Protein backbone atom coordinates (compact mmCIF):
# COMPACT_ATOMS: atom_id res chain seq x y z
CA MET A 1 -10.41 -28.26 34.77
CA TRP A 2 -10.05 -29.52 38.33
CA ALA A 3 -6.33 -28.65 38.43
CA GLU A 4 -6.93 -25.11 37.22
CA ARG A 5 -8.90 -24.44 40.42
CA LEU A 6 -5.76 -25.01 42.50
CA LEU A 7 -3.81 -21.96 43.63
CA SER A 8 -0.39 -23.65 43.23
CA ARG A 9 1.25 -25.05 40.13
CA MET A 10 1.18 -28.85 40.34
CA HIS A 11 3.15 -31.77 38.93
CA PHE A 12 0.97 -34.84 38.31
CA GLU A 13 1.86 -38.48 37.89
CA TRP A 14 -0.78 -40.47 36.06
CA VAL A 15 -1.51 -43.82 34.44
CA TRP A 16 -3.69 -44.65 31.47
CA ASN A 17 -5.20 -48.04 30.78
CA GLY A 18 -6.44 -47.19 27.31
CA ARG A 19 -9.84 -46.07 28.55
CA ALA A 20 -9.29 -43.76 31.54
CA VAL A 21 -6.60 -41.58 33.08
CA ARG A 22 -6.00 -41.93 36.83
CA ILE A 23 -3.94 -39.43 38.79
CA VAL A 24 -1.77 -41.33 41.26
CA GLN A 25 0.29 -38.46 42.72
CA ALA A 26 0.18 -34.66 42.82
CA ASP A 27 3.06 -32.52 44.08
CA ILE A 28 3.30 -28.78 44.42
CA ALA A 29 5.88 -27.58 41.89
CA ASP A 30 8.89 -25.57 42.94
CA VAL A 31 8.60 -22.20 41.19
CA LEU A 32 11.75 -20.11 41.11
CA ALA A 33 11.56 -16.41 41.88
CA GLY A 34 10.61 -14.55 38.73
CA VAL A 35 11.38 -11.16 37.25
CA ASP A 36 9.02 -8.21 37.52
CA PRO A 37 8.59 -7.08 33.88
CA ALA A 38 8.19 -3.45 34.98
CA SER A 39 11.65 -3.59 36.60
CA LEU A 40 13.22 -3.94 33.12
CA LEU A 41 11.96 -0.56 31.95
CA PRO A 42 14.49 2.30 31.88
CA SER A 43 14.67 4.44 34.99
CA HIS A 44 15.47 7.51 32.89
CA VAL A 45 14.50 8.41 29.33
CA PRO A 46 16.74 11.08 27.73
CA ASN A 47 15.13 14.14 26.20
CA ILE A 48 15.49 14.70 22.46
CA SER A 49 16.23 18.24 21.25
CA VAL A 50 13.82 18.44 18.32
CA GLU A 51 14.91 22.04 17.66
CA SER A 52 18.44 20.90 16.85
CA LEU A 53 17.35 18.61 13.98
CA SER A 54 18.10 19.84 10.47
CA THR A 55 17.63 16.93 8.06
CA PHE A 56 14.89 15.10 9.95
CA GLN A 57 11.71 16.97 10.85
CA VAL A 58 8.77 16.12 13.06
CA ALA A 59 6.07 14.65 10.81
CA ASN A 60 3.46 17.23 9.83
CA PRO A 61 -0.22 16.72 8.83
CA GLU A 62 0.63 16.73 5.12
CA GLN A 63 3.17 13.93 5.56
CA PHE A 64 0.70 11.85 7.60
CA GLY A 65 -1.53 11.86 4.54
CA LYS A 66 1.30 11.48 2.04
CA PHE A 67 3.18 8.41 3.29
CA GLY A 68 1.50 5.03 3.75
CA LYS A 69 3.48 4.10 6.85
CA LEU A 70 2.19 7.23 8.59
CA ARG A 71 -1.44 6.88 7.53
CA ASN A 72 -2.04 4.02 9.95
CA ALA A 73 -0.61 6.12 12.77
CA LYS A 74 -2.97 8.92 11.74
CA THR A 75 -5.90 6.51 11.96
CA TYR A 76 -4.87 5.34 15.45
CA GLY A 77 -4.52 8.95 16.56
CA GLY A 78 -7.98 9.72 15.22
CA LEU A 79 -9.38 6.87 17.33
CA GLY A 80 -7.95 8.46 20.47
CA TYR A 81 -4.72 6.50 20.92
CA VAL A 82 -1.62 8.39 21.98
CA MET A 83 1.03 7.91 19.31
CA PRO A 84 4.81 8.45 19.57
CA MET A 85 6.53 11.28 17.74
CA PHE A 86 7.54 10.47 14.16
CA TYR A 87 10.49 12.01 12.31
CA VAL A 88 10.67 12.28 8.52
CA LEU A 89 13.66 12.68 6.22
CA ASP A 90 12.46 13.18 2.64
CA ASP A 91 15.16 15.46 1.23
CA ALA A 92 16.14 13.95 -2.12
CA LYS A 93 19.70 15.29 -2.01
CA THR A 94 20.42 13.83 1.43
CA LEU A 95 18.99 10.44 0.44
CA SER A 96 20.99 10.45 -2.80
CA THR A 97 24.17 11.13 -0.81
CA ILE A 98 23.42 8.16 1.46
CA LEU A 99 22.81 5.90 -1.54
CA GLY A 100 26.13 7.11 -2.92
CA GLY A 101 27.89 5.81 0.20
CA THR A 102 28.25 8.90 2.41
CA VAL A 103 26.33 10.19 5.44
CA PRO A 104 26.18 14.02 5.29
CA VAL A 105 27.49 15.93 8.30
CA ALA A 106 24.06 17.44 9.07
CA LEU A 107 22.47 13.99 9.11
CA ASP A 108 25.34 12.75 11.26
CA CYS A 109 24.41 15.35 13.88
CA ASP A 110 20.71 14.44 13.70
CA LEU A 111 21.41 10.75 14.18
CA ALA A 112 23.66 11.47 17.16
CA GLU A 113 20.72 13.30 18.77
CA LEU A 114 18.01 10.80 17.82
CA THR A 115 19.96 7.73 18.98
CA LYS A 116 20.02 9.04 22.55
CA ARG A 117 17.04 6.69 22.68
CA PRO A 118 16.81 3.43 20.69
CA LEU A 119 15.75 4.54 17.21
CA ILE A 120 13.82 2.61 14.54
CA LEU A 121 14.11 3.71 10.90
CA ARG A 122 11.58 2.66 8.26
CA THR A 123 11.48 3.23 4.50
CA ASP A 124 8.62 4.71 2.51
CA GLY A 125 8.13 6.74 -0.66
CA THR A 126 5.57 8.24 -2.99
CA ASN A 127 6.68 6.56 -6.24
CA ILE A 128 7.35 2.97 -5.22
CA PRO A 129 5.89 0.31 -7.58
CA THR A 130 3.10 -1.69 -5.99
CA ASN A 131 4.99 -4.97 -6.32
CA LYS A 132 7.95 -3.53 -4.38
CA ARG A 133 6.12 -1.91 -1.48
CA GLU A 134 6.24 -4.98 0.75
CA MET A 135 9.24 -5.63 3.02
CA LEU A 136 10.95 -2.27 2.51
CA PRO A 137 14.11 -1.83 4.62
CA ARG A 138 13.48 -1.44 8.34
CA SER A 139 16.14 -1.25 11.03
CA ASP A 140 16.28 -2.96 14.39
CA GLU A 141 16.95 -0.77 17.41
CA LEU A 142 19.70 1.72 16.60
CA ARG A 143 21.28 2.66 19.92
CA THR A 144 24.32 4.63 18.75
CA LEU A 145 25.37 6.94 15.93
CA SER A 146 27.67 4.26 14.53
CA ASP A 147 24.79 1.73 14.54
CA ALA A 148 22.60 4.14 12.56
CA LYS A 149 25.30 4.95 10.01
CA ALA A 150 26.14 1.28 9.56
CA TRP A 151 22.49 0.46 8.84
CA LEU A 152 22.05 3.32 6.35
CA LEU A 153 25.24 2.54 4.43
CA GLY A 154 24.77 -1.22 4.71
CA PRO A 155 21.35 -2.94 4.70
CA PHE A 156 19.34 0.16 3.68
CA ARG A 157 21.62 1.19 0.79
CA SER A 158 22.03 -2.38 -0.42
CA ALA A 159 18.29 -3.12 -0.41
CA ILE A 160 17.41 0.08 -2.27
CA HIS A 161 19.99 -0.59 -4.99
CA GLN A 162 18.98 -4.24 -5.28
CA SER A 163 15.31 -3.28 -5.74
CA GLU A 164 16.24 -0.37 -8.04
CA LEU A 165 14.26 2.16 -6.00
CA GLN A 166 16.74 5.03 -6.20
CA GLN A 167 14.28 7.19 -8.17
CA SER A 168 11.19 6.37 -6.13
CA SER A 169 10.92 9.61 -4.10
CA LEU A 170 12.01 7.79 -0.97
CA CYS A 171 11.83 8.94 2.61
CA LEU A 172 13.02 7.67 5.97
CA ILE A 173 10.56 7.59 8.85
CA GLY A 174 12.00 7.38 12.33
CA HIS A 175 10.45 6.79 15.73
CA HIS A 176 11.79 5.76 19.09
CA PHE A 177 11.39 2.21 20.33
CA ILE A 178 8.72 1.79 23.01
CA PRO A 179 9.41 -1.17 25.34
CA SER A 180 6.39 -3.29 26.27
CA VAL A 181 5.58 -4.34 29.79
CA ALA A 182 3.01 -6.73 28.32
CA SER A 183 1.60 -7.60 24.91
CA ALA A 184 -1.49 -9.19 23.42
CA TRP A 185 -2.83 -10.53 20.15
CA ALA A 186 -6.54 -10.54 19.39
CA ARG A 187 -8.41 -12.55 16.77
CA ALA A 188 -11.86 -11.47 15.62
CA GLU A 189 -13.62 -12.61 12.47
CA PRO A 190 -16.50 -10.97 10.56
CA GLY A 191 -19.76 -12.73 11.29
CA LYS A 192 -18.50 -14.32 14.52
CA ARG A 193 -19.23 -12.93 17.95
CA PHE A 194 -16.32 -14.55 19.85
CA VAL A 195 -12.97 -12.75 20.20
CA ARG A 196 -9.86 -14.66 21.27
CA ILE A 197 -7.10 -12.76 23.06
CA GLU A 198 -3.64 -14.15 23.90
CA ALA A 199 -1.42 -12.20 26.29
CA LEU A 200 2.05 -12.41 27.82
CA TRP A 201 4.54 -10.20 29.60
CA GLY A 202 7.13 -8.43 27.45
CA LEU A 203 7.35 -8.10 23.66
CA PRO A 204 4.85 -9.76 21.29
CA GLU A 205 7.59 -12.05 19.93
CA GLY A 206 7.28 -14.08 23.13
CA LEU A 207 3.78 -15.13 22.09
CA TYR A 208 5.31 -17.16 19.25
CA TRP A 209 7.18 -19.49 21.56
CA TYR A 210 6.18 -19.32 25.21
CA SER A 211 3.25 -20.19 27.45
CA HIS A 212 0.73 -17.37 27.61
CA ASP A 213 -2.71 -16.59 28.97
CA THR A 214 -5.79 -16.96 26.77
CA TYR A 215 -9.09 -15.12 27.03
CA GLU A 216 -12.29 -15.59 25.04
CA VAL A 217 -14.86 -12.80 24.93
CA ASP A 218 -18.48 -13.18 23.86
CA THR A 219 -19.72 -9.91 22.34
CA HIS A 220 -23.29 -11.31 22.16
CA ASP A 221 -23.72 -9.97 18.63
CA VAL A 222 -21.91 -9.91 15.28
CA ILE A 223 -22.70 -6.23 14.76
CA ILE A 224 -20.77 -4.10 17.24
CA LYS A 225 -21.61 -0.45 17.75
CA LEU A 226 -18.71 2.01 17.49
CA LEU A 227 -17.62 2.90 21.02
CA LYS A 228 -15.22 5.49 22.33
CA PRO A 229 -11.80 4.22 23.53
CA GLY A 230 -11.90 3.49 27.24
CA THR A 231 -15.59 2.58 27.27
CA LYS A 232 -16.24 -0.20 29.77
CA LEU A 233 -17.52 -3.29 27.99
CA LYS A 234 -19.99 -5.66 29.62
CA TYR A 235 -19.21 -8.84 27.73
CA ASP A 236 -19.04 -12.41 29.00
CA SER A 237 -15.49 -13.77 29.10
CA TRP A 238 -13.55 -16.91 29.95
CA GLN A 239 -9.89 -17.12 30.81
CA ARG A 240 -7.20 -19.76 30.89
CA LEU A 241 -4.18 -18.70 32.93
CA ARG A 242 -1.01 -20.73 32.42
CA TYR A 243 2.31 -20.90 34.22
CA LYS A 244 4.61 -18.53 32.33
CA GLY A 245 8.26 -19.25 32.93
CA THR A 246 9.73 -17.15 30.12
CA PHE A 247 9.07 -13.90 28.27
CA ILE A 248 11.07 -11.64 25.95
CA ALA A 249 12.08 -8.16 27.06
CA PRO A 250 14.40 -5.54 25.50
CA ARG A 251 17.63 -4.32 27.03
CA CYS A 252 16.56 -0.84 28.09
CA HIS A 253 19.71 0.44 29.79
CA TRP A 254 19.66 3.83 28.13
């Protein structure tokens, strides 16, 4: 607690006699120049010509209610959060052609347009057995047309055949990858008034492995009134700020 009041990061030498710890030396640590997380964001984001798409379409209200992977996005939007644009491919003939080992020309053109930005493709459907809904195929960032075709004809096609989901009224849901300047996890439990928040620069994966800041918030009550997004909260909080030497960021040279 005493060390956390210091402005500099310190290295301590200490001895322990089995009953007490005594600090015998304290040196200011050499901290190398870091990287500004915001500097890793792309300087230019290409425009996507939605009008040119023929197999994918921008998700409509009916599809937000129809597909499970879009319903959560609909909920977030209803709470006032700005959501990215989602693209849906649910044409049975096109999907059957992919599962047969060929990417149709029209889809080829759509993927060339959509991969101007890193694209994520997810799998959903309206007739998928409950025991097979978990861990449906999802791509990593697809940055080129060839990357997208390789994923569709490789991992996607293989997983669908292996799970025997060819007749499950499948669809592909696409959205563009959004790089994070910072990320946070929050833990709140019913019946408990304390919320624990862990935060770090970059993508959430860094929170698995690297030093991060921790905040605890006291809401004063276990029953929280529904508030509008952006409402200023007047809760007590405590923070523990750590030295963070590493974080994970995407390659965003688009």
